[in-house]
Amino acid sequence: MVDFIARIKKIQAIMKRQGTEYMVLAPSSHLFYLTGLKTTADERVQLFLVPAEGTPVMILPEMYREMATNLEKKSFHLLTWADGLDPVDLLLPLINKPSGIVAIDERMWAGHFLSIRKAFAGYEFMGASALMRQVRMIKDQNEMSILEKAGGLTDKVMGEVPTVLKPGISEKEIAFFVENKLKEYGADEVSFKPIIASGPNTSSPHHNTGERKLILGDLVVLDFGGLFQGYCSDMTRTFSIGKASEEVKKVYNAVKEANEAGFQAVQGGIACEKVDEAARNAISRAGYGQYFVHRTGHGIGLDVHEDPFLVSGNTEILKVGMTFSIEPGIYLPQQFGVRIEDIVGLSEKGPVRFNNFPRELIEV
């Protein structure tokens, strides 16, 4: 069971060290991380006020009272407001210092932020992610275990993909198959809209899945993931419909080598950019450096993209408990593209892959 009180105390200790008087969260992964509460952001103001000292206060519309009250281990005081009342009136008495620094959830609706500003008239504002990243970036053993399970279930779905990869099926039909299988195997929902790219569409890393139907000789890039117990999975594999050409095989092998080089580079104490460098060098050696057009990886957890980022210029040091993607790719404009992505966690014994579906080129 998650100890939300311990998580709150940890963030409060950071707030005190850094001189932040309050943090205000909206419905987001930050709120879920500290409370276990997941609601939907809408026109109704929802706030979670965390003081540097003392018990946090949740301010919610009355309609959420039962949901918030029924949390297994509540780590906050609850205040609710009825339609027609101003929720900021509940916030105002809670701010007992005339000035200081307040950290605001960047995912708060702008209109809601504007409405609460009067409660912090003498305050300097900063983003809450600068605080939350310090606790969320390092996953505990339970979080690592959930991410590993999420990866395994996504592997299982990828294992069924070849059964539908046939000439005549559309990208959207493949996406529908993937989404249904993820939910069948236990996903609450998808982590993100699946990216299914076929033929020349594979040269666009974030292609918008469309109506194009597969034909013999296509490559198909499938990038998808599901949300399991609140945590995201994310993986990419590239398949060939029929026999692949020698050029495709050359490109594929370069990406596969880059994926392995990135994985082998992962170790505690090195900068994130070193993993990017290792993967990028492998692709450059194969002669395709200019066609690797994105970073090597992104952190993953409650959000599919979060800290740390494996990209040139990021000197953040890798530490045990960090989890991230390694996803090199080569994209030849208007021809084809290849990407291979795994989620990796850094354990005490070194890097561990959470995706183990084969990385060899599969011709279906």
Protein backbone atom coordinates (compact mmCIF):
# COMPACT_ATOMS: atom_id res chain seq x y z
CA MET A 1 0.00 0.00 0.00
CA VAL A 2 1.24 3.48 -0.85
CA ASP A 3 2.14 5.67 2.13
CA PHE A 4 0.77 9.01 0.96
CA ILE A 5 1.55 10.70 4.27
CA ALA A 6 5.24 9.80 3.84
CA ARG A 7 5.18 11.19 0.30
CA ILE A 8 3.66 14.46 1.53
CA LYS A 9 6.22 14.76 4.32
CA LYS A 10 8.99 14.26 1.79
CA ILE A 11 7.71 17.03 -0.47
CA GLN A 12 7.17 19.32 2.53
CA ALA A 13 10.79 18.80 3.58
CA ILE A 14 11.88 19.88 0.10
CA MET A 15 9.58 22.90 0.24
CA LYS A 16 11.08 23.98 3.56
CA ARG A 17 14.63 23.58 2.28
CA GLN A 18 13.86 25.62 -0.81
CA GLY A 19 11.79 28.30 0.91
CA THR A 20 8.42 27.51 -0.69
CA GLU A 21 5.48 28.38 1.56
CA TYR A 22 2.72 26.61 -0.36
CA MET A 23 2.13 24.30 -3.29
CA VAL A 24 -1.23 24.23 -5.09
CA LEU A 25 -2.08 21.23 -7.25
CA ALA A 26 -4.91 20.69 -9.72
CA PRO A 27 -6.24 17.36 -11.04
CA SER A 28 -3.06 15.83 -12.42
CA SER A 29 -0.56 13.04 -11.89
CA HIS A 30 1.02 15.17 -9.13
CA LEU A 31 -2.27 15.10 -7.22
CA PHE A 32 -2.64 11.35 -7.75
CA TYR A 33 0.94 10.76 -6.56
CA LEU A 34 0.35 12.56 -3.25
CA THR A 35 -3.23 11.48 -2.51
CA GLY A 36 -4.37 8.58 -4.71
CA LEU A 37 -7.27 10.76 -5.88
CA LYS A 38 -8.00 10.87 -9.60
CA THR A 39 -10.66 13.29 -10.82
CA THR A 40 -11.37 15.00 -14.11
CA ALA A 41 -10.34 18.60 -14.70
CA ASP A 42 -13.28 20.75 -15.77
CA GLU A 43 -14.76 24.21 -15.23
CA ARG A 44 -15.16 23.49 -11.51
CA VAL A 45 -12.19 24.55 -9.40
CA GLN A 46 -10.40 21.64 -7.67
CA LEU A 47 -7.40 22.47 -5.48
CA PHE A 48 -4.97 20.64 -3.25
CA LEU A 49 -3.15 23.07 -0.95
CA VAL A 50 0.11 21.75 0.53
CA PRO A 51 1.71 24.02 3.15
CA ALA A 52 5.38 23.67 3.97
CA GLU A 53 4.24 22.64 7.45
CA GLY A 54 0.98 21.11 8.62
CA THR A 55 -1.78 19.06 7.03
CA PRO A 56 -2.72 19.71 3.39
CA VAL A 57 -6.26 20.72 2.46
CA MET A 58 -8.30 19.43 -0.48
CA ILE A 59 -10.91 21.81 -1.90
CA LEU A 60 -13.40 20.02 -4.15
CA PRO A 61 -16.89 20.42 -5.55
CA GLU A 62 -19.50 18.72 -3.36
CA MET A 63 -19.98 16.04 -6.05
CA TYR A 64 -16.53 14.61 -5.19
CA ARG A 65 -17.07 14.39 -1.43
CA GLU A 66 -17.81 10.66 -1.36
CA MET A 67 -14.93 9.81 -3.67
CA ALA A 68 -12.43 11.76 -1.56
CA THR A 69 -13.83 10.52 1.75
CA ASN A 70 -13.56 6.90 0.70
CA LEU A 71 -9.83 6.97 0.03
CA GLU A 72 -8.20 4.19 2.04
CA LYS A 73 -5.66 6.37 3.79
CA LYS A 74 -6.61 10.02 3.64
CA SER A 75 -3.66 12.39 3.97
CA PHE A 76 -5.53 15.70 3.99
CA HIS A 77 -8.44 17.75 5.35
CA LEU A 78 -11.38 17.95 2.98
CA LEU A 79 -13.43 21.05 2.21
CA THR A 80 -16.20 21.01 -0.37
CA TRP A 81 -18.23 23.70 -2.08
CA ALA A 82 -21.69 23.66 -3.64
CA ASP A 83 -22.59 24.97 -7.08
CA GLY A 84 -23.17 28.70 -6.98
CA LEU A 85 -20.51 29.34 -4.31
CA ASP A 86 -16.98 30.62 -4.84
CA PRO A 87 -14.37 27.95 -3.90
CA VAL A 88 -11.73 30.64 -3.50
CA ASP A 89 -13.60 31.73 -0.38
CA LEU A 90 -12.53 28.41 1.16
CA LEU A 91 -8.92 28.99 0.12
CA LEU A 92 -8.50 32.55 1.40
CA PRO A 93 -8.55 31.76 5.18
CA LEU A 94 -5.93 29.02 4.70
CA ILE A 95 -3.22 31.42 3.51
CA ASN A 96 -1.82 32.81 6.74
CA LYS A 97 1.31 34.54 5.48
CA PRO A 98 1.23 37.79 3.49
CA SER A 99 4.05 36.91 1.11
CA GLY A 100 6.44 34.18 0.01
CA ILE A 101 6.72 31.66 -2.80
CA VAL A 102 3.86 29.47 -3.99
CA ALA A 103 4.33 26.58 -6.42
CA ILE A 104 1.46 26.17 -8.90
CA ASP A 105 0.64 23.02 -10.83
CA GLU A 106 1.44 23.82 -14.45
CA ARG A 107 -1.52 21.67 -15.51
CA MET A 108 -4.00 23.90 -13.70
CA TRP A 109 -6.44 25.57 -16.09
CA ALA A 110 -5.43 29.20 -16.70
CA GLY A 111 -8.88 30.39 -15.64
CA HIS A 112 -8.59 28.61 -12.32
CA PHE A 113 -5.13 30.06 -11.74
CA LEU A 114 -6.46 33.55 -12.40
CA SER A 115 -9.28 32.98 -9.91
CA ILE A 116 -6.95 31.94 -7.06
CA ARG A 117 -4.38 34.68 -7.58
CA LYS A 118 -6.16 36.97 -5.12
CA ALA A 119 -5.33 34.47 -2.37
CA PHE A 120 -1.63 34.93 -3.15
CA ALA A 121 -1.53 38.66 -3.85
CA GLY A 122 1.89 39.17 -2.26
CA TYR A 123 3.44 35.93 -3.52
CA GLU A 124 5.97 34.97 -6.13
CA PHE A 125 4.87 32.10 -8.36
CA MET A 126 6.85 29.09 -9.53
CA GLY A 127 6.01 25.79 -11.20
CA ALA A 128 5.17 22.84 -8.95
CA SER A 129 7.04 20.40 -11.20
CA ALA A 130 10.37 21.82 -9.99
CA LEU A 131 9.46 20.38 -6.57
CA MET A 132 7.56 17.26 -7.58
CA ARG A 133 10.21 16.00 -9.96
CA GLN A 134 12.53 15.58 -6.97
CA VAL A 135 10.27 12.93 -5.46
CA ARG A 136 8.64 11.43 -8.54
CA MET A 137 11.78 10.84 -10.61
CA ILE A 138 13.04 8.11 -8.26
CA LYS A 139 10.62 5.18 -8.22
CA ASP A 140 10.38 2.91 -5.20
CA GLN A 141 10.30 -0.87 -5.51
CA ASN A 142 6.51 -0.98 -5.71
CA GLU A 143 6.46 1.54 -8.55
CA MET A 144 9.20 -0.35 -10.37
CA SER A 145 7.22 -3.55 -9.98
CA ILE A 146 4.07 -1.98 -11.44
CA LEU A 147 6.02 -0.56 -14.38
CA GLU A 148 7.57 -3.96 -15.01
CA LYS A 149 4.13 -5.57 -14.99
CA ALA A 150 2.83 -2.87 -17.31
CA GLY A 151 5.67 -3.58 -19.70
CA GLY A 152 4.98 -7.30 -19.63
CA LEU A 153 1.30 -6.84 -20.43
CA THR A 154 2.21 -4.54 -23.32
CA ASP A 155 4.62 -7.19 -24.58
CA LYS A 156 1.69 -9.61 -24.53
CA VAL A 157 -0.39 -7.32 -26.73
CA MET A 158 2.51 -6.77 -29.13
CA GLY A 159 2.80 -10.55 -29.37
CA GLU A 160 -0.70 -10.71 -30.83
CA VAL A 161 -0.16 -7.91 -33.35
CA PRO A 162 1.28 -10.18 -36.10
CA THR A 163 -2.05 -12.01 -36.25
CA VAL A 164 -3.72 -8.91 -37.75
CA LEU A 165 -0.87 -7.44 -39.82
CA LYS A 166 -2.09 -8.36 -43.27
CA PRO A 167 -2.50 -6.47 -46.54
CA GLY A 168 -5.84 -4.67 -46.57
CA ILE A 169 -6.12 -3.79 -42.87
CA SER A 170 -6.00 -0.08 -42.07
CA GLU A 171 -3.87 1.77 -39.53
CA LYS A 172 -7.02 2.72 -37.60
CA GLU A 173 -8.18 -0.89 -37.48
CA ILE A 174 -4.80 -1.94 -36.04
CA ALA A 175 -5.05 0.85 -33.45
CA PHE A 176 -8.55 -0.33 -32.48
CA PHE A 177 -7.23 -3.89 -32.08
CA VAL A 178 -4.35 -2.70 -29.88
CA GLU A 179 -6.57 -0.54 -27.66
CA ASN A 180 -9.04 -3.36 -27.10
CA LYS A 181 -6.31 -5.88 -26.31
CA LEU A 182 -4.66 -3.52 -23.80
CA LYS A 183 -7.95 -3.17 -21.95
CA GLU A 184 -8.65 -6.90 -22.21
CA TYR A 185 -5.36 -7.62 -20.47
CA GLY A 186 -5.96 -5.18 -17.64
CA ALA A 187 -5.21 -1.64 -18.76
CA ASP A 188 -7.50 1.03 -17.33
CA GLU A 189 -7.06 2.98 -20.54
CA VAL A 190 -4.37 3.70 -23.12
CA SER A 191 -1.35 5.76 -22.06
CA PHE A 192 -1.67 7.78 -25.25
CA LYS A 193 -3.36 7.53 -28.64
CA PRO A 194 -1.57 4.66 -30.40
CA ILE A 195 0.76 5.61 -33.22
CA ILE A 196 0.28 3.18 -36.10
CA ALA A 197 2.25 4.15 -39.20
CA SER A 198 2.54 2.13 -42.39
CA GLY A 199 4.54 2.39 -45.62
CA PRO A 200 5.76 5.96 -46.29
CA ASN A 201 3.96 7.15 -43.15
CA THR A 202 6.65 5.43 -41.06
CA SER A 203 9.10 8.25 -41.90
CA SER A 204 7.07 10.56 -39.60
CA PRO A 205 7.96 9.73 -35.96
CA HIS A 206 4.57 10.87 -34.59
CA HIS A 207 2.34 10.02 -37.53
CA ASN A 208 -1.39 10.54 -37.00
CA THR A 209 -2.92 7.10 -37.38
CA GLY A 210 -5.16 7.16 -40.44
CA GLU A 211 -7.13 5.24 -43.04
CA ARG A 212 -4.20 3.95 -45.09
CA LYS A 213 -4.40 0.20 -45.73
CA LEU A 214 -1.35 -2.06 -45.54
CA ILE A 215 0.15 -3.45 -48.73
CA LEU A 216 2.79 -6.09 -49.33
CA GLY A 217 6.28 -4.68 -48.78
CA ASP A 218 5.23 -2.12 -46.14
CA LEU A 219 6.96 -1.48 -42.87
CA VAL A 220 4.60 -0.90 -39.96
CA VAL A 221 5.64 1.03 -36.85
CA LEU A 222 3.49 0.42 -33.77
CA ASP A 223 4.00 2.70 -30.75
CA PHE A 224 1.51 2.15 -27.92
CA GLY A 225 1.06 1.64 -24.20
CA GLY A 226 -1.54 1.24 -21.50
CA LEU A 227 -2.23 2.64 -18.06
CA PHE A 228 -1.86 -0.05 -15.37
CA GLN A 229 -2.65 0.83 -11.73
CA GLY A 230 -2.00 4.44 -12.64
CA TYR A 231 1.39 3.83 -14.29
CA CYS A 232 2.15 4.01 -18.00
CA SER A 233 3.68 1.55 -20.41
CA ASP A 234 5.13 2.55 -23.77
CA MET A 235 6.87 0.48 -26.42
CA THR A 236 7.56 0.53 -30.16
CA ARG A 237 8.28 -2.22 -32.63
CA THR A 238 8.62 -2.19 -36.42
CA PHE A 239 7.32 -5.07 -38.57
CA SER A 240 7.68 -5.87 -42.26
CA ILE A 241 4.73 -7.03 -44.34
CA GLY A 242 6.44 -9.71 -46.37
CA LYS A 243 10.16 -9.84 -47.06
CA ALA A 244 12.14 -6.75 -46.18
CA SER A 245 14.57 -5.20 -48.65
CA GLU A 246 18.31 -5.13 -47.98
CA GLU A 247 18.14 -1.38 -47.33
CA VAL A 248 15.37 -1.87 -44.79
CA LYS A 249 17.42 -4.58 -43.08
CA LYS A 250 20.45 -2.29 -42.94
CA VAL A 251 18.44 0.52 -41.36
CA TYR A 252 16.69 -1.86 -38.97
CA ASN A 253 19.97 -3.36 -37.78
CA ALA A 254 21.40 0.12 -37.17
CA VAL A 255 18.41 1.01 -34.98
CA LYS A 256 18.61 -2.31 -33.15
CA GLU A 257 22.31 -1.72 -32.47
CA ALA A 258 21.53 1.79 -31.21
CA ASN A 259 18.84 0.44 -28.88
CA GLU A 260 21.32 -2.02 -27.41
CA ALA A 261 24.08 0.61 -27.19
CA GLY A 262 21.76 2.92 -25.27
CA PHE A 263 20.78 0.13 -22.90
CA GLN A 264 24.39 -0.89 -22.28
CA ALA A 265 25.34 2.73 -21.55
CA VAL A 266 22.88 3.01 -18.66
CA GLN A 267 24.55 3.08 -15.25
CA GLY A 268 24.25 5.05 -12.06
CA GLY A 269 26.39 8.19 -11.89
CA ILE A 270 26.49 9.06 -15.60
CA ALA A 271 24.69 11.96 -17.25
CA CYS A 272 21.46 11.34 -19.15
CA GLU A 273 23.05 12.75 -22.29
CA LYS A 274 25.59 9.90 -22.32
CA VAL A 275 22.84 7.39 -23.10
CA ASP A 276 21.66 9.59 -25.95
CA GLU A 277 25.23 9.88 -27.17
CA ALA A 278 25.76 6.10 -27.17
CA ALA A 279 22.61 5.44 -29.20
CA ARG A 280 23.28 8.35 -31.57
CA ASN A 281 26.86 7.26 -32.20
CA ALA A 282 25.68 3.80 -33.25
CA ILE A 283 23.36 5.30 -35.84
CA SER A 284 25.99 7.76 -37.05
CA ARG A 285 28.47 4.93 -37.57
CA ALA A 286 25.94 3.26 -39.83
CA GLY A 287 25.72 6.46 -41.90
CA TYR A 288 22.25 7.58 -40.82
CA GLY A 289 23.06 10.20 -38.16
CA GLN A 290 21.09 12.99 -39.84
CA TYR A 291 17.96 10.82 -39.87
CA PHE A 292 17.78 10.30 -36.10
CA VAL A 293 15.67 13.38 -35.46
CA HIS A 294 14.51 13.09 -31.83
CA ARG A 295 15.93 12.42 -28.36
CA THR A 296 16.80 8.88 -27.32
CA GLY A 297 14.33 8.73 -24.47
CA HIS A 298 11.98 10.19 -21.89
CA GLY A 299 11.19 9.34 -18.30
CA ILE A 300 7.99 7.44 -17.59
CA GLY A 301 5.79 6.73 -14.60
CA LEU A 302 2.40 8.26 -13.83
CA ASP A 303 2.92 10.29 -17.00
CA VAL A 304 4.06 8.75 -20.25
CA HIS A 305 6.55 11.63 -20.63
CA GLU A 306 8.23 12.91 -17.46
CA ASP A 307 11.72 13.48 -16.07
CA PRO A 308 14.43 12.46 -16.77
CA PHE A 309 14.97 13.03 -20.50
CA LEU A 310 17.76 11.27 -22.37
CA VAL A 311 18.85 14.05 -24.67
CA SER A 312 22.01 15.92 -25.59
CA GLY A 313 22.67 18.72 -23.11
CA ASN A 314 20.91 17.06 -20.17
CA THR A 315 23.57 16.60 -17.50
CA GLU A 316 21.09 15.16 -14.95
CA ILE A 317 22.79 12.19 -13.28
CA LEU A 318 21.16 8.77 -13.59
CA LYS A 319 20.24 7.24 -10.24
CA VAL A 320 18.80 3.94 -9.06
CA GLY A 321 15.01 4.10 -9.34
CA MET A 322 14.87 6.15 -12.53
CA THR A 323 12.76 4.72 -15.36
CA PHE A 324 12.82 5.86 -18.97
CA SER A 325 12.46 4.85 -22.60
CA ILE A 326 15.28 4.02 -24.99
CA GLU A 327 13.84 4.57 -28.45
CA PRO A 328 16.29 5.36 -31.24
CA GLY A 329 14.93 5.65 -34.76
CA ILE A 330 15.92 6.33 -38.36
CA TYR A 331 13.48 8.17 -40.63
CA LEU A 332 14.19 8.47 -44.37
CA PRO A 333 11.86 11.22 -45.64
CA GLN A 334 9.01 9.98 -47.87
CA GLN A 335 10.51 6.49 -47.87
CA PHE A 336 10.30 4.63 -44.55
CA GLY A 337 11.26 4.75 -40.90
CA VAL A 338 12.23 2.33 -38.13
CA ARG A 339 11.97 2.73 -34.35
CA ILE A 340 12.58 0.25 -31.53
CA GLU A 341 11.54 1.35 -28.02
CA ASP A 342 11.86 -0.30 -24.63
CA ILE A 343 11.21 0.98 -21.13
CA VAL A 344 14.23 0.58 -18.88
CA GLY A 345 14.59 0.86 -15.11
CA LEU A 346 17.87 1.44 -13.29
CA SER A 347 18.12 -1.06 -10.43
CA GLU A 348 20.85 -1.67 -7.87
CA LYS A 349 22.21 -4.36 -10.21
CA GLY A 350 22.14 -2.17 -13.31
CA PRO A 351 19.64 -1.51 -16.10
CA VAL A 352 16.59 -3.76 -16.49
CA ARG A 353 14.31 -3.85 -19.52
CA PHE A 354 10.58 -3.82 -18.83
CA ASN A 355 9.87 -4.80 -22.45
CA ASN A 356 11.17 -8.11 -23.72
CA PHE A 357 9.25 -8.66 -26.92
CA PRO A 358 11.85 -9.62 -29.57
CA ARG A 359 13.86 -6.80 -31.08
CA GLU A 360 14.66 -8.79 -34.23
CA LEU A 361 12.95 -7.74 -37.47
CA ILE A 362 9.77 -9.77 -37.84
CA GLU A 363 8.50 -10.37 -41.37
CA VAL A 364 4.82 -11.32 -41.41
